[in-house]
PDB file of N, CA and C in Angstrom:
ATOM      1  N   UNK A   1     -39.146 -30.736 -39.763  1.00  0.00           N
ATOM      2  CA  UNK A   1     -38.225 -30.070 -38.862  1.00  0.00           C
ATOM      3  C   UNK A   1     -38.717 -30.252 -37.425  1.00  0.00           C
ATOM      4  N   UNK A   2     -37.775 -30.381 -36.519  1.00  0.00           N
ATOM      5  CA  UNK A   2     -38.108 -30.578 -35.116  1.00  0.00           C
ATOM      6  C   UNK A   2     -38.385 -29.242 -34.443  1.00  0.00           C
ATOM      7  N   UNK A   3     -39.021 -29.305 -33.300  1.00  0.00           N
ATOM      8  CA  UNK A   3     -39.255 -28.116 -32.491  1.00  0.00           C
ATOM      9  C   UNK A   3     -38.084 -27.990 -31.518  1.00  0.00           C
ATOM     10  N   UNK A   4     -37.254 -26.941 -31.636  1.00  0.00           N
ATOM     11  CA  UNK A   4     -36.101 -26.788 -30.744  1.00  0.00           C
ATOM     12  C   UNK A   4     -36.489 -26.786 -29.268  1.00  0.00           C
ATOM     13  N   UNK A   5     -37.729 -26.431 -28.941  1.00  0.00           N
ATOM     14  CA  UNK A   5     -38.191 -26.449 -27.565  1.00  0.00           C
ATOM     15  C   UNK A   5     -38.286 -27.846 -26.975  1.00  0.00           C
ATOM     16  N   UNK A   6     -38.206 -28.873 -27.840  1.00  0.00           N
ATOM     17  CA  UNK A   6     -38.260 -30.264 -27.376  1.00  0.00           C
ATOM     18  C   UNK A   6     -36.912 -30.756 -26.872  1.00  0.00           C
ATOM     19  N   UNK A   7     -35.845 -29.974 -27.082  1.00  0.00           N
ATOM     20  CA  UNK A   7     -34.498 -30.396 -26.695  1.00  0.00           C
ATOM     21  C   UNK A   7     -34.110 -29.694 -25.400  1.00  0.00           C
ATOM     22  N   UNK A   8     -33.676 -30.505 -24.428  1.00  0.00           N
ATOM     23  CA  UNK A   8     -33.341 -29.992 -23.105  1.00  0.00           C
ATOM     24  C   UNK A   8     -32.013 -30.567 -22.627  1.00  0.00           C
ATOM     25  N   UNK A   9     -31.367 -29.858 -21.722  1.00  0.00           N
ATOM     26  CA  UNK A   9     -30.110 -30.339 -21.138  1.00  0.00           C
ATOM     27  C   UNK A   9     -30.320 -31.701 -20.497  1.00  0.00           C
ATOM     28  N   UNK A  10     -29.317 -32.553 -20.643  1.00  0.00           N
ATOM     29  CA  UNK A  10     -29.350 -33.883 -20.047  1.00  0.00           C
ATOM     30  C   UNK A  10     -29.902 -34.968 -20.945  1.00  0.00           C
ATOM     31  N   UNK A  11     -30.499 -34.599 -22.088  1.00  0.00           N
ATOM     32  CA  UNK A  11     -31.022 -35.617 -23.001  1.00  0.00           C
ATOM     33  C   UNK A  11     -29.875 -36.386 -23.632  1.00  0.00           C
ATOM     34  N   UNK A  12     -30.110 -37.652 -23.944  1.00  0.00           N
ATOM     35  CA  UNK A  12     -29.124 -38.491 -24.611  1.00  0.00           C
ATOM     36  C   UNK A  12     -29.158 -38.214 -26.104  1.00  0.00           C
ATOM     37  N   UNK A  13     -27.983 -38.081 -26.719  1.00  0.00           N
ATOM     38  CA  UNK A  13     -27.877 -37.846 -28.156  1.00  0.00           C
ATOM     39  C   UNK A  13     -27.341 -39.123 -28.807  1.00  0.00           C
ATOM     40  N   UNK A  14     -28.039 -39.577 -29.855  1.00  0.00           N
ATOM     41  CA  UNK A  14     -27.656 -40.809 -30.546  1.00  0.00           C
ATOM     42  C   UNK A  14     -27.553 -40.567 -32.048  1.00  0.00           C
ATOM     43  N   UNK A  15     -26.824 -41.461 -32.720  1.00  0.00           N
ATOM     44  CA  UNK A  15     -26.777 -41.387 -34.180  1.00  0.00           C
ATOM     45  C   UNK A  15     -27.982 -42.144 -34.741  1.00  0.00           C
ATOM     46  N   UNK A  16     -28.095 -42.212 -36.038  1.00  0.00           N
ATOM     47  CA  UNK A  16     -29.246 -42.856 -36.685  1.00  0.00           C
ATOM     48  C   UNK A  16     -29.405 -44.316 -36.293  1.00  0.00           C
ATOM     49  N   UNK A  17     -28.280 -44.983 -36.023  1.00  0.00           N
ATOM     50  CA  UNK A  17     -28.303 -46.399 -35.681  1.00  0.00           C
ATOM     51  C   UNK A  17     -28.541 -46.641 -34.190  1.00  0.00           C
ATOM     52  N   UNK A  18     -28.681 -45.569 -33.415  1.00  0.00           N
ATOM     53  CA  UNK A  18     -28.961 -45.708 -31.996  1.00  0.00           C
ATOM     54  C   UNK A  18     -27.732 -45.750 -31.100  1.00  0.00           C
ATOM     55  N   UNK A  19     -26.537 -45.498 -31.641  1.00  0.00           N
ATOM     56  CA  UNK A  19     -25.318 -45.472 -30.825  1.00  0.00           C
ATOM     57  C   UNK A  19     -25.239 -44.151 -30.075  1.00  0.00           C
ATOM     58  N   UNK A  20     -24.960 -44.225 -28.780  1.00  0.00           N
ATOM     59  CA  UNK A  20     -24.878 -43.026 -27.955  1.00  0.00           C
ATOM     60  C   UNK A  20     -23.652 -42.206 -28.323  1.00  0.00           C
ATOM     61  N   UNK A  21     -23.885 -40.902 -28.548  1.00  0.00           N
ATOM     62  CA  UNK A  21     -22.811 -39.976 -28.879  1.00  0.00           C
ATOM     63  C   UNK A  21     -22.443 -39.096 -27.693  1.00  0.00           C
ATOM     64  N   UNK A  22     -23.379 -38.902 -26.765  1.00  0.00           N
ATOM     65  CA  UNK A  22     -23.149 -38.042 -25.611  1.00  0.00           C
ATOM     66  C   UNK A  22     -24.467 -37.517 -25.095  1.00  0.00           C
ATOM     67  N   UNK A  23     -24.408 -36.368 -24.421  1.00  0.00           N
ATOM     68  CA  UNK A  23     -25.621 -35.760 -23.872  1.00  0.00           C
ATOM     69  C   UNK A  23     -25.679 -34.279 -24.222  1.00  0.00           C
ATOM     70  N   UNK A  24     -26.873 -33.735 -24.198  1.00  0.00           N
ATOM     71  CA  UNK A  24     -27.067 -32.305 -24.433  1.00  0.00           C
ATOM     72  C   UNK A  24     -26.565 -31.579 -23.192  1.00  0.00           C
ATOM     73  N   UNK A  25     -25.562 -30.714 -23.369  1.00  0.00           N
ATOM     74  CA  UNK A  25     -25.001 -30.014 -22.216  1.00  0.00           C
ATOM     75  C   UNK A  25     -25.472 -28.563 -22.117  1.00  0.00           C
ATOM     76  N   UNK A  26     -25.972 -28.013 -23.228  1.00  0.00           N
ATOM     77  CA  UNK A  26     -26.460 -26.633 -23.237  1.00  0.00           C
ATOM     78  C   UNK A  26     -27.310 -26.454 -24.490  1.00  0.00           C
ATOM     79  N   UNK A  27     -28.334 -25.619 -24.406  1.00  0.00           N
ATOM     80  CA  UNK A  27     -29.211 -25.376 -25.555  1.00  0.00           C
ATOM     81  C   UNK A  27     -29.182 -23.897 -25.890  1.00  0.00           C
ATOM     82  N   UNK A  28     -28.910 -23.578 -27.160  1.00  0.00           N
ATOM     83  CA  UNK A  28     -28.902 -22.198 -27.633  1.00  0.00           C
ATOM     84  C   UNK A  28     -30.092 -21.927 -28.532  1.00  0.00           C
ATOM     85  N   UNK A  29     -30.048 -20.790 -29.235  1.00  0.00           N
ATOM     86  CA  UNK A  29     -31.141 -20.405 -30.124  1.00  0.00           C
ATOM     87  C   UNK A  29     -31.167 -21.208 -31.425  1.00  0.00           C
ATOM     88  N   UNK A  30     -29.987 -21.559 -31.953  1.00  0.00           N
ATOM     89  CA  UNK A  30     -29.907 -22.246 -33.242  1.00  0.00           C
ATOM     90  C   UNK A  30     -29.217 -23.597 -33.152  1.00  0.00           C
ATOM     91  N   UNK A  31     -28.754 -23.957 -31.952  1.00  0.00           N
ATOM     92  CA  UNK A  31     -27.960 -25.174 -31.799  1.00  0.00           C
ATOM     93  C   UNK A  31     -28.025 -25.667 -30.352  1.00  0.00           C
ATOM     94  N   UNK A  32     -27.454 -26.857 -30.140  1.00  0.00           N
ATOM     95  CA  UNK A  32     -27.221 -27.323 -28.781  1.00  0.00           C
ATOM     96  C   UNK A  32     -25.785 -27.819 -28.708  1.00  0.00           C
ATOM     97  N   UNK A  33     -25.268 -27.922 -27.489  1.00  0.00           N
ATOM     98  CA  UNK A  33     -23.918 -28.426 -27.296  1.00  0.00           C
ATOM     99  C   UNK A  33     -23.990 -29.886 -26.895  1.00  0.00           C
ATOM    100  N   UNK A  34     -23.228 -30.712 -27.604  1.00  0.00           N
ATOM    101  CA  UNK A  34     -23.146 -32.141 -27.349  1.00  0.00           C
ATOM    102  C   UNK A  34     -21.913 -32.379 -26.501  1.00  0.00           C
ATOM    103  N   UNK A  35     -22.115 -32.810 -25.266  1.00  0.00           N
ATOM    104  CA  UNK A  35     -21.001 -33.096 -24.365  1.00  0.00           C
ATOM    105  C   UNK A  35     -20.666 -34.566 -24.406  1.00  0.00           C
ATOM    106  N   UNK A  36     -19.374 -34.875 -24.437  1.00  0.00           N
ATOM    107  CA  UNK A  36     -18.934 -36.263 -24.434  1.00  0.00           C
ATOM    108  C   UNK A  36     -18.039 -36.492 -23.233  1.00  0.00           C
ATOM    109  N   UNK A  37     -18.292 -37.562 -22.518  1.00  0.00           N
ATOM    110  CA  UNK A  37     -17.495 -37.894 -21.350  1.00  0.00           C
ATOM    111  C   UNK A  37     -18.105 -37.316 -20.092  1.00  0.00           C
ATOM    112  N   UNK A  38     -17.593 -37.776 -18.958  1.00  0.00           N
ATOM    113  CA  UNK A  38     -18.092 -37.291 -17.678  1.00  0.00           C
ATOM    114  C   UNK A  38     -16.923 -37.169 -16.720  1.00  0.00           C
ATOM    115  N   UNK A  39     -16.492 -36.004 -16.358  1.00  0.00           N
ATOM    116  CA  UNK A  39     -17.019 -34.731 -16.853  1.00  0.00           C
ATOM    117  C   UNK A  39     -16.685 -34.558 -18.332  1.00  0.00           C
ATOM    118  N   UNK A  40     -17.427 -33.691 -18.992  1.00  0.00           N
ATOM    119  CA  UNK A  40     -17.282 -33.526 -20.442  1.00  0.00           C
ATOM    120  C   UNK A  40     -15.837 -33.221 -20.816  1.00  0.00           C
ATOM    121  N   UNK A  41     -15.288 -34.075 -21.657  1.00  0.00           N
ATOM    122  CA  UNK A  41     -13.935 -33.870 -22.169  1.00  0.00           C
ATOM    123  C   UNK A  41     -13.951 -32.959 -23.380  1.00  0.00           C
ATOM    124  N   UNK A  42     -15.057 -32.979 -24.059  1.00  0.00           N
ATOM    125  CA  UNK A  42     -15.146 -32.216 -25.300  1.00  0.00           C
ATOM    126  C   UNK A  42     -16.604 -31.897 -25.580  1.00  0.00           C
ATOM    127  N   UNK A  43     -16.882 -30.701 -26.047  1.00  0.00           N
ATOM    128  CA  UNK A  43     -18.233 -30.296 -26.439  1.00  0.00           C
ATOM    129  C   UNK A  43     -18.242 -29.980 -27.927  1.00  0.00           C
ATOM    130  N   UNK A  44     -19.319 -30.353 -28.590  1.00  0.00           N
ATOM    131  CA  UNK A  44     -19.501 -30.056 -30.003  1.00  0.00           C
ATOM    132  C   UNK A  44     -20.786 -29.255 -30.164  1.00  0.00           C
ATOM    133  N   UNK A  45     -20.783 -28.299 -31.059  1.00  0.00           N
ATOM    134  CA  UNK A  45     -21.978 -27.529 -31.367  1.00  0.00           C
ATOM    135  C   UNK A  45     -22.731 -28.255 -32.486  1.00  0.00           C
ATOM    136  N   UNK A  46     -24.009 -28.535 -32.248  1.00  0.00           N
ATOM    137  CA  UNK A  46     -24.840 -29.238 -33.227  1.00  0.00           C
ATOM    138  C   UNK A  46     -26.025 -28.342 -33.569  1.00  0.00           C
ATOM    139  N   UNK A  47     -26.151 -27.964 -34.831  1.00  0.00           N
ATOM    140  CA  UNK A  47     -27.269 -27.135 -35.268  1.00  0.00           C
ATOM    141  C   UNK A  47     -28.552 -27.973 -35.313  1.00  0.00           C
ATOM    142  N   UNK A  48     -29.657 -27.332 -35.008  1.00  0.00           N
ATOM    143  CA  UNK A  48     -30.933 -28.039 -34.953  1.00  0.00           C
ATOM    144  C   UNK A  48     -31.284 -28.734 -36.264  1.00  0.00           C
ATOM    145  N   UNK A  49     -30.836 -28.223 -37.406  1.00  0.00           N
ATOM    146  CA  UNK A  49     -31.173 -28.866 -38.683  1.00  0.00           C
ATOM    147  C   UNK A  49     -30.534 -30.251 -38.817  1.00  0.00           C
ATOM    148  N   UNK A  50     -29.564 -30.591 -37.953  1.00  0.00           N
ATOM    149  CA  UNK A  50     -28.949 -31.924 -37.974  1.00  0.00           C
ATOM    150  C   UNK A  50     -29.775 -32.962 -37.213  1.00  0.00           C
ATOM    151  N   UNK A  51     -30.809 -32.506 -36.482  1.00  0.00           N
ATOM    152  CA  UNK A  51     -31.629 -33.424 -35.688  1.00  0.00           C
ATOM    153  C   UNK A  51     -32.664 -34.081 -36.587  1.00  0.00           C
ATOM    154  N   UNK A  52     -32.671 -35.394 -36.589  1.00  0.00           N
ATOM    155  CA  UNK A  52     -33.642 -36.147 -37.384  1.00  0.00           C
ATOM    156  C   UNK A  52     -34.965 -36.282 -36.639  1.00  0.00           C
ATOM    157  N   UNK A  53     -34.871 -36.586 -35.323  1.00  0.00           N
ATOM    158  CA  UNK A  53     -36.089 -36.723 -34.526  1.00  0.00           C
ATOM    159  C   UNK A  53     -35.757 -36.661 -33.038  1.00  0.00           C
ATOM    160  N   UNK A  54     -36.771 -36.352 -32.247  1.00  0.00           N
ATOM    161  CA  UNK A  54     -36.688 -36.394 -30.791  1.00  0.00           C
ATOM    162  C   UNK A  54     -37.706 -37.429 -30.351  1.00  0.00           C
ATOM    163  N   UNK A  55     -37.238 -38.401 -29.583  1.00  0.00           N
ATOM    164  CA  UNK A  55     -38.108 -39.494 -29.158  1.00  0.00           C
ATOM    165  C   UNK A  55     -37.908 -39.696 -27.654  1.00  0.00           C
ATOM    166  N   UNK A  56     -38.885 -39.282 -26.872  1.00  0.00           N
ATOM    167  CA  UNK A  56     -38.756 -39.370 -25.420  1.00  0.00           C
ATOM    168  C   UNK A  56     -37.636 -38.460 -24.933  1.00  0.00           C
ATOM    169  N   UNK A  57     -36.654 -39.025 -24.233  1.00  0.00           N
ATOM    170  CA  UNK A  57     -35.505 -38.267 -23.721  1.00  0.00           C
ATOM    171  C   UNK A  57     -34.278 -38.479 -24.599  1.00  0.00           C
ATOM    172  N   UNK A  58     -34.496 -38.836 -25.868  1.00  0.00           N
ATOM    173  CA  UNK A  58     -33.389 -39.092 -26.784  1.00  0.00           C
ATOM    174  C   UNK A  58     -33.496 -38.235 -28.034  1.00  0.00           C
ATOM    175  N   UNK A  59     -32.340 -37.709 -28.457  1.00  0.00           N
ATOM    176  CA  UNK A  59     -32.231 -36.887 -29.658  1.00  0.00           C
ATOM    177  C   UNK A  59     -31.454 -37.702 -30.691  1.00  0.00           C
ATOM    178  N   UNK A  60     -32.036 -37.916 -31.863  1.00  0.00           N
ATOM    179  CA  UNK A  60     -31.384 -38.681 -32.924  1.00  0.00           C
ATOM    180  C   UNK A  60     -30.908 -37.729 -34.018  1.00  0.00           C
ATOM    181  N   UNK A  61     -29.636 -37.860 -34.384  1.00  0.00           N
ATOM    182  CA  UNK A  61     -29.072 -37.005 -35.425  1.00  0.00           C
ATOM    183  C   UNK A  61     -29.159 -37.676 -36.778  1.00  0.00           C
ATOM    184  N   UNK A  62     -29.394 -36.882 -37.799  1.00  0.00           N
ATOM    185  CA  UNK A  62     -29.374 -37.365 -39.174  1.00  0.00           C
ATOM    186  C   UNK A  62     -27.929 -37.624 -39.570  1.00  0.00           C
ATOM    187  N   UNK A  63     -27.747 -38.469 -40.543  1.00  0.00           N
ATOM    188  CA  UNK A  63     -26.400 -38.734 -41.040  1.00  0.00           C
ATOM    189  C   UNK A  63     -25.794 -37.459 -41.580  1.00  0.00           C
ATOM    190  N   UNK A  64     -24.507 -37.296 -41.362  1.00  0.00           N
ATOM    191  CA  UNK A  64     -23.806 -36.115 -41.869  1.00  0.00           C
ATOM    192  C   UNK A  64     -23.812 -36.152 -43.395  1.00  0.00           C
ATOM    193  N   UNK A  65     -24.019 -35.013 -44.018  1.00  0.00           N
ATOM    194  CA  UNK A  65     -23.992 -34.994 -45.484  1.00  0.00           C
ATOM    195  C   UNK A  65     -22.601 -35.342 -45.985  1.00  0.00           C
ATOM    196  N   UNK A  66     -22.579 -36.063 -47.068  1.00  0.00           N
ATOM    197  CA  UNK A  66     -21.291 -36.413 -47.658  1.00  0.00           C
ATOM    198  C   UNK A  66     -21.088 -35.622 -48.931  1.00  0.00           C
ATOM    199  N   UNK A  67     -19.864 -35.331 -49.211  1.00  0.00           N
ATOM    200  CA  UNK A  67     -19.523 -34.609 -50.435  1.00  0.00           C
ATOM    201  C   UNK A  67     -19.113 -35.623 -51.496  1.00  0.00           C
ATOM    202  N   UNK A  68     -19.750 -35.584 -52.655  1.00  0.00           N
ATOM    203  CA  UNK A  68     -19.366 -36.534 -53.707  1.00  0.00           C
ATOM    204  C   UNK A  68     -17.938 -36.229 -54.187  1.00  0.00           C
ATOM    205  N   UNK A  69     -17.225 -37.253 -54.616  1.00  0.00           N
ATOM    206  CA  UNK A  69     -15.873 -37.019 -55.122  1.00  0.00           C
ATOM    207  C   UNK A  69     -15.907 -36.148 -56.368  1.00  0.00           C
ATOM    208  N   UNK A  70     -14.878 -35.328 -56.549  1.00  0.00           N
ATOM    209  CA  UNK A  70     -14.861 -34.467 -57.734  1.00  0.00           C
ATOM    210  C   UNK A  70     -14.772 -35.284 -59.014  1.00  0.00           C
ATOM    211  N   UNK A  71     -15.449 -34.777 -60.032  1.00  0.00           N
ATOM    212  CA  UNK A  71     -15.389 -35.462 -61.337  1.00  0.00           C
ATOM    213  C   UNK A  71     -14.132 -35.039 -62.078  1.00  0.00           C
ATOM    214  N   UNK A  72     -13.604 -35.932 -62.864  1.00  0.00           N
ATOM    215  CA  UNK A  72     -12.381 -35.620 -63.647  1.00  0.00           C
ATOM    216  C   UNK A  72     -12.662 -34.693 -64.781  1.00  0.00           C
TER     217      UNK A  72
END
């Protein structure tokens, strides 16, 4: 698990493959807000458990969990 204190406003947020998703626009107790666009057109709340790693000024998110198809 990452240390939430390592995440700060203005950091770049990327997916596992390194594609830029946006920037950290605000940091809360259990999550941060991911802003997209400039000025931000849309903000998303991202819980800290979705963070795979923090590397320098970049936050990498883990892949979103997938739900297996229902069995017949």
